[in-house]
Every structure is written in C-alpha cells, then in structure tokens.
Amino acid sequence: MKKKKKRIVVKSISFIVLFPLLYVLFLGWQAFSEKSFDVAGIVLISGVLMFLAEYISLKRSYAKNKELLD
C-alpha cells in the first residue's frame, strides 16, 4: 500500500511539474508569461484532483480486498 501511495504522489507531482514545461515548449514563453496564473491554477487543481481520485480509488480497493480476505 505504501508503494502505491508513493507512486500516486510521484505521478501527481510529475504532472504538476511537466505540464507547465510542456506548455512553454509548445506555446512559447510569451504565451506562458501572459497566462501564468491561469496555467498554474489549472495545473494545481488538476494535479490535486488527480491525486484525490487515485488515492480514494486506492483506499476503496484496499478496503474491498481486505474485506474479501476476512
């Protein structure tokens, strides 16, 4: 379970870091600097929602598997 939690955290953080970098790469620095707060907000909200969705799914799966073993 700890290994999967760590993987979820790493996946969410890597999304939060990589998305702005790819945004700058494809649309250029000027487009990013004009909309930096918009992009940052979208990235943070998306990263947090992705983390929560996967974490809740992991918890439910863990509880269901534990229940099946009992």
Protein backbone atom coordinates (compact mmCIF):
# COMPACT_ATOMS: atom_id res chain seq x y z
CA MET A 1 0.00 0.00 0.00
CA LYS A 2 2.82 2.42 0.85
CA LYS A 3 4.46 1.76 -2.50
CA LYS A 4 1.25 2.63 -4.35
CA LYS A 5 0.74 5.78 -2.25
CA LYS A 6 4.24 6.91 -3.13
CA ARG A 7 3.61 6.20 -6.81
CA ILE A 8 0.42 8.28 -6.72
CA VAL A 9 2.26 11.21 -5.12
CA VAL A 10 5.13 11.00 -7.63
CA LYS A 11 2.68 10.81 -10.54
CA SER A 12 0.76 13.88 -9.34
CA ILE A 13 3.90 15.92 -8.68
CA SER A 14 5.40 14.98 -12.03
CA PHE A 15 2.20 16.14 -13.75
CA ILE A 16 2.35 19.45 -11.87
CA VAL A 17 5.97 19.95 -12.95
CA LEU A 18 5.82 18.63 -16.51
CA PHE A 19 2.63 20.30 -17.72
CA PRO A 20 3.95 23.89 -17.44
CA LEU A 21 7.25 22.85 -19.03
CA LEU A 22 5.45 21.28 -21.99
CA TYR A 23 3.16 24.31 -22.21
CA VAL A 24 6.19 26.58 -22.54
CA LEU A 25 7.83 24.20 -25.01
CA PHE A 26 4.83 24.06 -27.35
CA LEU A 27 3.35 27.56 -27.00
CA GLY A 28 6.41 29.60 -26.08
CA TRP A 29 7.46 31.63 -23.09
CA GLN A 30 5.44 34.69 -24.03
CA ALA A 31 2.15 32.77 -24.08
CA PHE A 32 3.05 31.25 -20.70
CA SER A 33 4.04 34.55 -19.11
CA GLU A 34 0.76 36.16 -20.19
CA LYS A 35 -1.34 33.34 -18.74
CA SER A 36 0.94 32.07 -15.98
CA PHE A 37 -1.65 32.39 -13.19
CA ASP A 38 -4.30 30.68 -15.29
CA VAL A 39 -1.98 27.83 -16.19
CA ALA A 40 -0.74 27.49 -12.61
CA GLY A 41 -4.30 27.35 -11.28
CA ILE A 42 -5.41 24.76 -13.80
CA VAL A 43 -2.32 22.64 -13.21
CA LEU A 44 -2.63 22.74 -9.42
CA ILE A 45 -6.33 21.97 -9.42
CA SER A 46 -5.85 19.16 -11.95
CA GLY A 47 -2.93 17.70 -10.00
CA VAL A 48 -4.82 17.77 -6.71
CA LEU A 49 -7.96 16.26 -8.27
CA MET A 50 -5.88 13.56 -9.94
CA PHE A 51 -4.20 12.76 -6.61
CA LEU A 52 -7.50 12.65 -4.72
CA ALA A 53 -9.22 10.46 -7.31
CA GLU A 54 -6.40 7.92 -7.35
CA TYR A 55 -5.97 7.98 -3.56
CA ILE A 56 -9.69 7.42 -2.95
CA SER A 57 -9.68 4.62 -5.51
CA LEU A 58 -6.71 3.00 -3.76
CA LYS A 59 -8.41 3.26 -0.36
CA ARG A 60 -11.61 1.69 -1.68
CA SER A 61 -9.71 -1.09 -3.42
CA TYR A 62 -7.67 -1.78 -0.29
CA ALA A 63 -10.79 -1.91 1.89
CA LYS A 64 -12.59 -4.20 -0.57
CA ASN A 65 -9.62 -6.57 -0.81
CA LYS A 66 -9.26 -6.61 2.97
CA GLU A 67 -12.97 -7.41 3.30
CA LEU A 68 -12.67 -10.27 0.81
CA LEU A 69 -9.80 -11.80 2.75
CA ASP A 70 -11.78 -11.81 6.01
